[in-house]
Protein backbone atom coordinates (compact mmCIF):
# COMPACT_ATOMS: atom_id res chain seq x y z
CA UNK A 1 -29.70 31.70 15.05
CA UNK A 2 -29.55 27.91 15.15
CA UNK A 3 -26.09 26.36 15.20
CA UNK A 4 -25.57 22.98 13.51
CA UNK A 5 -23.18 21.01 15.70
CA UNK A 6 -22.36 18.35 13.13
CA UNK A 7 -23.08 19.59 9.64
CA UNK A 8 -23.49 16.87 7.04
CA UNK A 9 -22.21 17.35 3.51
CA UNK A 10 -22.74 15.27 0.40
CA UNK A 11 -19.59 13.99 -1.33
CA UNK A 12 -20.03 12.85 -4.94
CA UNK A 13 -17.27 11.07 -6.86
CA UNK A 14 -17.15 11.27 -10.65
CA UNK A 15 -17.21 9.57 -13.10
CA UNK A 16 -18.58 6.68 -10.99
CA UNK A 17 -21.39 8.84 -9.57
CA UNK A 18 -21.02 7.24 -6.14
CA UNK A 19 -22.08 9.49 -3.28
CA UNK A 20 -21.83 9.45 0.51
CA UNK A 21 -22.18 11.83 3.44
CA UNK A 22 -19.42 13.31 5.57
CA UNK A 23 -20.24 14.41 9.10
CA UNK A 24 -18.73 17.22 11.15
CA UNK A 25 -14.94 17.15 11.26
CA UNK A 26 -14.76 13.73 9.58
CA UNK A 27 -12.29 13.59 6.71
CA UNK A 28 -13.62 12.75 3.26
CA UNK A 29 -11.64 9.50 3.22
CA UNK A 30 -12.93 8.43 6.66
CA UNK A 31 -16.48 9.08 5.44
CA UNK A 32 -15.86 7.05 2.29
CA UNK A 33 -14.47 4.10 4.26
CA UNK A 34 -17.41 4.26 6.66
CA UNK A 35 -19.81 4.24 3.71
CA UNK A 36 -18.03 1.36 1.98
CA UNK A 37 -16.95 3.46 -0.99
CA UNK A 38 -13.57 2.30 -2.32
CA UNK A 39 -11.49 5.42 -2.94
CA UNK A 40 -7.73 5.25 -3.51
CA UNK A 41 -5.51 5.83 -0.47
CA UNK A 42 -2.37 4.64 1.26
CA UNK A 43 -1.00 6.04 4.52
CA UNK A 44 -4.11 7.94 5.75
CA UNK A 45 -1.74 10.52 7.25
CA UNK A 46 -1.14 13.09 4.51
CA UNK A 47 2.30 11.70 3.72
CA UNK A 48 2.11 9.56 0.59
CA UNK A 49 -0.24 11.37 -1.81
CA UNK A 50 -2.04 8.19 -2.92
CA UNK A 51 -5.46 9.71 -2.15
CA UNK A 52 -4.90 12.95 -4.10
CA UNK A 53 -7.72 13.72 -6.48
CA UNK A 54 -9.27 16.66 -8.32
CA UNK A 55 -11.97 18.79 -6.70
CA UNK A 56 -14.57 19.72 -9.29
CA UNK A 57 -16.72 21.83 -6.95
CA UNK A 58 -17.22 22.65 -3.30
CA UNK A 59 -14.98 23.75 -0.45
CA UNK A 60 -12.62 21.80 1.84
CA UNK A 61 -10.02 22.58 4.49
CA UNK A 62 -6.88 20.49 4.86
CA UNK A 63 -5.35 19.26 8.09
CA UNK A 64 -1.64 18.60 8.60
CA UNK A 65 0.06 17.05 5.57
CA UNK A 66 3.35 16.91 3.71
CA UNK A 67 4.11 19.20 0.80
CA UNK A 68 5.35 16.24 -1.27
CA UNK A 69 1.86 14.72 -0.98
CA UNK A 70 0.04 17.97 -1.78
CA UNK A 71 2.02 21.06 -2.70
CA UNK A 72 0.60 24.59 -2.44
CA UNK A 73 0.54 24.61 -6.23
CA UNK A 74 -1.50 21.39 -6.28
CA UNK A 75 -3.96 22.83 -3.79
CA UNK A 76 -4.25 26.07 -5.77
CA UNK A 77 -4.99 23.96 -8.87
CA UNK A 78 -7.92 22.32 -7.09
CA UNK A 79 -6.42 19.05 -5.86
CA UNK A 80 -7.27 17.64 -2.45
CA UNK A 81 -5.93 14.94 -0.14
CA UNK A 82 -9.05 13.11 0.95
CA UNK A 83 -7.27 11.62 4.00
CA UNK A 84 -6.89 15.03 5.63
CA UNK A 85 -9.52 17.15 3.83
CA UNK A 86 -12.74 18.07 5.63
CA UNK A 87 -15.71 19.21 3.58
CA UNK A 88 -17.09 22.69 4.25
CA UNK A 89 -19.90 22.27 1.73
CA UNK A 90 -21.19 19.64 -0.66
CA UNK A 91 -18.19 18.50 -2.71
CA UNK A 92 -17.76 16.85 -6.11
CA UNK A 93 -14.48 15.01 -6.72
CA UNK A 94 -12.94 13.28 -9.71
CA UNK A 95 -11.38 9.88 -8.95
CA UNK A 96 -11.30 7.21 -11.61
CA UNK A 97 -10.32 4.33 -9.35
CA UNK A 98 -13.60 4.19 -7.42
CA UNK A 99 -15.40 0.88 -7.92
CA UNK A 100 -18.05 -1.08 -6.05
CA UNK A 101 -15.81 -4.11 -5.52
CA UNK A 102 -12.85 -2.23 -4.08
CA UNK A 103 -14.25 -1.97 -0.58
CA UNK A 104 -14.61 -4.87 1.85
CA UNK A 105 -15.99 -4.29 5.35
CA UNK A 106 -13.38 -2.85 7.72
CA UNK A 107 -13.28 -4.90 10.93
CA UNK A 108 -11.56 -4.75 14.31
CA UNK A 109 -10.56 -8.14 15.67
CA UNK A 110 -8.20 -9.86 18.11
CA UNK A 111 -5.38 -11.92 16.62
CA UNK A 112 -2.91 -14.35 18.13
CA UNK A 113 0.78 -14.48 17.22
CA UNK A 114 1.12 -17.93 15.66
CA UNK A 115 4.78 -17.85 14.64
CA UNK A 116 7.80 -15.57 14.49
CA UNK A 117 10.70 -16.13 12.08
CA UNK A 118 13.66 -13.83 11.48
CA UNK A 119 14.13 -13.65 7.71
CA UNK A 120 17.01 -11.15 7.75
CA UNK A 121 18.86 -9.33 10.51
CA UNK A 122 16.19 -6.60 10.44
CA UNK A 123 13.14 -8.39 8.99
CA UNK A 124 10.72 -10.51 11.01
CA UNK A 125 8.02 -12.67 9.49
CA UNK A 126 5.03 -12.53 11.82
CA UNK A 127 2.19 -14.99 11.29
CA UNK A 128 -1.11 -14.08 12.91
CA UNK A 129 -3.99 -16.44 13.63
CA UNK A 130 -7.39 -14.89 12.96
CA UNK A 131 -10.57 -15.70 14.91
CA UNK A 132 -11.94 -18.99 13.61
CA UNK A 133 -15.50 -17.68 13.31
CA UNK A 134 -14.53 -14.32 11.79
CA UNK A 135 -14.54 -14.27 7.97
CA UNK A 136 -11.90 -11.77 6.86
CA UNK A 137 -12.19 -10.57 3.26
CA UNK A 138 -9.66 -8.36 1.50
CA UNK A 139 -7.83 -7.79 -1.77
CA UNK A 140 -4.30 -9.08 -2.28
CA UNK A 141 -2.13 -6.01 -1.69
CA UNK A 142 -4.12 -4.44 1.15
CA UNK A 143 -2.89 -3.83 4.71
CA UNK A 144 -3.98 -4.03 8.33
CA UNK A 145 -3.27 -1.75 11.26
CA UNK A 146 -2.22 -2.83 14.74
CA UNK A 147 -4.06 -0.87 17.43
CA UNK A 148 -1.73 -0.37 20.38
CA UNK A 149 -2.82 0.09 23.98
CA UNK A 150 -2.34 3.86 23.84
CA UNK A 151 -4.38 4.09 20.63
CA UNK A 152 -1.35 4.48 18.35
CA UNK A 153 -1.47 2.52 15.10
CA UNK A 154 1.08 0.78 12.91
CA UNK A 155 0.26 -0.40 9.39
CA UNK A 156 1.65 -3.50 7.62
CA UNK A 157 0.74 -5.06 4.29
CA UNK A 158 -0.43 -8.64 4.18
CA UNK A 159 1.78 -11.13 2.34
CA UNK A 160 -1.01 -13.71 2.34
CA UNK A 161 -3.37 -14.03 -0.65
CA UNK A 162 -7.05 -13.88 0.34
CA UNK A 163 -8.00 -17.31 -1.04
CA UNK A 164 -5.98 -19.01 1.71
CA UNK A 165 -8.45 -17.70 4.31
CA UNK A 166 -10.89 -20.39 3.21
CA UNK A 167 -8.68 -23.20 4.49
CA UNK A 168 -6.31 -21.60 7.02
CA UNK A 169 -7.48 -18.27 8.48
CA UNK A 170 -4.39 -16.22 9.18
CA UNK A 171 -2.11 -13.58 7.74
CA UNK A 172 1.63 -13.18 7.23
CA UNK A 173 3.40 -9.87 7.72
CA UNK A 174 7.00 -8.81 7.01
CA UNK A 175 8.10 -6.30 9.65
CA UNK A 176 11.32 -4.34 9.36
CA UNK A 177 13.03 -3.27 12.58
CA UNK A 178 13.14 0.50 13.00
CA UNK A 179 15.52 1.01 15.99
CA UNK A 180 13.72 3.06 18.60
CA UNK A 181 10.38 2.27 17.04
CA UNK A 182 7.74 1.67 19.71
CA UNK A 183 6.18 -1.28 17.91
CA UNK A 184 9.11 -2.84 16.05
CA UNK A 185 11.34 -2.78 19.14
CA UNK A 186 8.68 -4.93 20.81
CA UNK A 187 8.44 -7.26 17.80
CA UNK A 188 12.19 -7.93 17.77
CA UNK A 189 12.88 -7.94 21.51
CA UNK A 190 9.80 -9.06 23.42
CA UNK A 191 7.04 -10.45 21.22
CA UNK A 192 6.20 -14.09 21.91
CA UNK A 193 4.05 -16.72 20.24
CA UNK A 194 0.45 -16.80 21.52
CA UNK A 195 0.56 -13.07 22.32
CA UNK A 196 -2.82 -11.42 21.68
CA UNK A 197 -2.90 -8.26 19.59
CA UNK A 198 -5.67 -6.18 18.07
CA UNK A 199 -5.88 -5.27 14.39
CA UNK A 200 -8.22 -3.39 12.08
CA UNK A 201 -8.57 -3.76 8.33
CA UNK A 202 -8.49 -4.21 5.46
CA UNK A 203 -7.21 -0.82 4.37
CA UNK A 204 -5.64 0.53 1.18
CA UNK A 205 -6.56 0.68 -2.48
CA UNK A 206 -3.54 -1.26 -3.75
CA UNK A 207 -4.77 -4.37 -5.55
CA UNK A 208 -4.55 -6.12 -8.91
CA UNK A 209 -6.73 -4.62 -11.64
CA UNK A 210 -7.88 -7.79 -13.35
CA UNK A 211 -9.99 -6.12 -16.05
CA UNK A 212 -6.94 -5.25 -18.17
CA UNK A 213 -4.96 -7.22 -20.74
CA UNK A 214 -1.75 -5.18 -20.38
CA UNK A 215 1.56 -6.78 -19.35
CA UNK A 216 2.55 -6.05 -15.77
CA UNK A 217 5.67 -4.74 -14.03
CA UNK A 218 5.90 -5.40 -10.29
CA UNK A 219 8.39 -3.24 -8.38
CA UNK A 220 9.36 -3.84 -4.74
CA UNK A 221 12.02 -2.48 -2.43
CA UNK A 222 12.81 -4.15 0.89
CA UNK A 223 9.71 -5.30 2.79
CA UNK A 224 7.63 -3.77 0.02
CA UNK A 225 7.84 -7.35 -1.22
CA UNK A 226 5.12 -8.41 1.26
CA UNK A 227 2.08 -7.18 -0.73
CA UNK A 228 3.81 -8.19 -3.97
CA UNK A 229 4.07 -11.74 -2.61
CA UNK A 230 0.31 -11.69 -2.01
CA UNK A 231 -0.23 -10.41 -5.56
CA UNK A 232 1.82 -13.10 -7.28
CA UNK A 233 0.19 -15.91 -5.28
CA UNK A 234 -3.19 -14.42 -6.14
CA UNK A 235 -2.16 -14.30 -9.80
CA UNK A 236 -1.23 -17.97 -9.66
CA UNK A 237 -4.54 -18.81 -8.00
CA UNK A 238 -6.69 -17.10 -10.65
CA UNK A 239 -4.74 -18.53 -13.60
CA UNK A 240 -3.14 -15.21 -14.54
CA UNK A 241 -1.52 -15.28 -17.99
CA UNK A 242 -0.41 -11.71 -18.70
CA UNK A 243 3.41 -11.37 -18.95
CA UNK A 244 4.65 -10.13 -15.57
CA UNK A 245 8.15 -9.00 -14.59
CA UNK A 246 9.01 -8.59 -10.92
CA UNK A 247 11.92 -6.36 -9.86
CA UNK A 248 12.91 -6.64 -6.20
CA UNK A 249 15.60 -4.33 -4.88
CA UNK A 250 17.72 -4.23 -1.72
CA UNK A 251 20.98 -2.67 -0.61
CA UNK A 252 22.69 -6.03 -0.11
CA UNK A 253 21.76 -9.54 -1.34
CA UNK A 254 20.61 -10.54 2.17
CA UNK A 255 17.94 -7.84 2.00
CA UNK A 256 16.19 -10.01 -0.61
CA UNK A 257 15.10 -12.28 2.21
CA UNK A 258 12.88 -14.60 0.13
CA UNK A 259 15.08 -14.73 -2.95
CA UNK A 260 15.35 -18.55 -3.04
CA UNK A 261 11.61 -18.97 -2.46
CA UNK A 262 10.84 -16.49 -5.22
CA UNK A 263 13.17 -18.16 -7.71
CA UNK A 264 11.37 -21.48 -7.07
CA UNK A 265 7.97 -19.85 -7.55
CA UNK A 266 9.00 -18.13 -10.78
CA UNK A 267 10.25 -21.45 -12.16
CA UNK A 268 6.70 -22.76 -11.85
CA UNK A 269 4.91 -19.65 -13.08
CA UNK A 270 5.34 -19.32 -16.86
CA UNK A 271 3.97 -15.76 -16.85
CA UNK A 272 6.46 -14.49 -14.24
CA UNK A 273 10.05 -13.25 -14.71
CA UNK A 274 12.04 -12.34 -11.59
CA UNK A 275 14.83 -9.74 -11.64
CA UNK A 276 16.66 -9.15 -8.32
CA UNK A 277 18.61 -5.89 -8.05
CA UNK A 278 21.21 -4.91 -5.44
CA UNK A 279 22.27 -1.28 -5.00
CA UNK A 280 25.24 -1.58 -2.64
CA UNK A 281 26.87 -4.97 -3.21
CA UNK A 282 30.17 -5.55 -1.41
CA UNK A 283 33.05 -7.79 -2.58
CA UNK A 284 32.24 -10.36 0.11
CA UNK A 285 28.70 -10.69 -1.29
CA UNK A 286 30.01 -12.28 -4.50
CA UNK A 287 26.96 -10.78 -6.21
CA UNK A 288 26.80 -11.44 -9.95
CA UNK A 289 23.29 -10.14 -10.62
CA UNK A 290 21.92 -6.73 -11.53
CA UNK A 291 23.16 -3.69 -9.61
CA UNK A 292 21.99 -0.11 -9.18
CA UNK A 293 18.66 1.43 -8.29
CA UNK A 294 15.78 -0.98 -8.72
CA UNK A 295 13.41 1.56 -10.29
CA UNK A 296 16.05 2.38 -12.91
CA UNK A 297 16.47 -1.31 -13.76
CA UNK A 298 12.88 -1.28 -15.01
CA UNK A 299 13.57 1.61 -17.40
CA UNK A 300 16.76 -0.10 -18.58
CA UNK A 301 14.62 -3.06 -19.69
CA UNK A 302 11.41 -1.22 -20.65
CA UNK A 303 12.17 2.11 -22.28
CA UNK A 304 8.53 2.30 -23.39
CA UNK A 305 6.00 1.61 -20.63
CA UNK A 306 3.04 3.15 -22.42
CA UNK A 307 1.34 -0.23 -22.82
CA UNK A 308 2.02 -1.58 -19.31
CA UNK A 309 0.63 -1.55 -15.80
CA UNK A 310 3.05 -0.93 -12.91
CA UNK A 311 2.51 -1.98 -9.29
CA UNK A 312 5.11 -0.46 -6.96
CA UNK A 313 5.65 -1.02 -3.23
CA UNK A 314 8.33 0.03 -0.80
CA UNK A 315 10.13 3.08 0.52
CA UNK A 316 8.55 6.40 -0.50
CA UNK A 317 11.76 7.53 -2.23
CA UNK A 318 11.64 4.46 -4.50
CA UNK A 319 7.93 4.74 -5.25
CA UNK A 320 8.09 8.49 -5.89
CA UNK A 321 11.16 8.15 -8.12
CA UNK A 322 9.50 5.36 -10.08
CA UNK A 323 6.27 7.29 -10.56
CA UNK A 324 8.11 10.33 -11.89
CA UNK A 325 10.49 8.40 -14.16
CA UNK A 326 7.94 6.01 -15.60
CA UNK A 327 5.33 8.62 -16.44
CA UNK A 328 7.74 11.28 -17.71
CA UNK A 329 10.38 9.14 -19.41
CA UNK A 330 8.66 5.82 -20.02
CA UNK A 331 5.31 7.14 -21.22
CA UNK A 332 3.36 5.20 -18.59
CA UNK A 333 -0.20 6.55 -18.23
CA UNK A 334 -0.54 8.03 -14.74
CA UNK A 335 -3.60 5.93 -13.98
CA UNK A 336 -1.62 2.74 -14.68
CA UNK A 337 0.86 3.42 -11.87
CA UNK A 338 -0.52 1.66 -8.81
CA UNK A 339 1.46 2.17 -5.63
CA UNK A 340 1.70 1.55 -1.93
CA UNK A 341 4.48 3.57 -0.30
CA UNK A 342 5.63 2.20 3.07
CA UNK A 343 5.44 5.42 5.06
CA UNK A 344 7.13 5.12 8.46
CA UNK A 345 6.33 7.18 11.55
CA UNK A 346 9.50 9.18 10.84
CA UNK A 347 8.18 9.95 7.35
CA UNK A 348 4.86 11.09 8.79
CA UNK A 349 6.56 13.40 11.26
CA UNK A 350 7.87 15.39 8.32
CA UNK A 351 4.35 16.81 7.93
CA UNK A 352 3.71 20.50 7.45
CA UNK A 353 0.89 22.54 8.86
CA UNK A 354 -1.88 23.49 6.41
């Protein structure tokens, strides 16, 4: 009997008809990225559920993942997480977000720390200089991963719109300090300008769907504002005209670390309305704006979301709550909820064995 060391299986995605091969123990998502096929995904660690799609035929096995991303009931109903599913045969999936233009080449490259600026007590703006001869293409809303010396990775969304790469190659990141975090402790305590780091990207399927005429709701919590900043600057660049309302939430007013900048931008963008929301205002804050949970503020203003698109970024609890509320209460079509949950290492460690 001949053993096949690295069996190759064909993965076909409907209704686009795009197909690619997976090899050996490679996950379906890794194979798609390698082949340049733009499938939806977020954390790549089985924690956020962004890559969940329907299996129409074939067999897969799942690696470690969280039940909130793929429950046993979901799996029994034929759903798979492509980020941790390995094909055991040829597989046909259903994923409506696959398009030719969604995938740019994923590159590894050295970057230099160009500037560090503390924007709040626990938020650092890190500007990275890209190699001058390296053209870096991505969609507004995507993220990059830092590759650490021990091979560990940390992912951060880019706050820089892609059109700026033509004149000033570089990216801006908003990094929140997670005490005890291997990477963020370094960022806040030891990182210096001119330090050389290594990144890989672009990753993620979060980007503006420009082929629609629906009004837009942007939802951000905390540093989930970073990719939203890239989106609104991209909108301005392309002459976006669809009515857009941005809700940005934080516990205290100081958590809205670019509030003044955003108010100035909105004043010059006729299509954009900005609604800041604070959930835990204290008397000393003298806060006179909206209060409560930011995802609920959207429903308070838009009881019917059936004709909208929503783009949500931030803590998983905010994104998950918004997805559930907007689709079940607001009538938002599920395929019009576009999200990027900021899954921390602590979130990922809540994984369950398959």
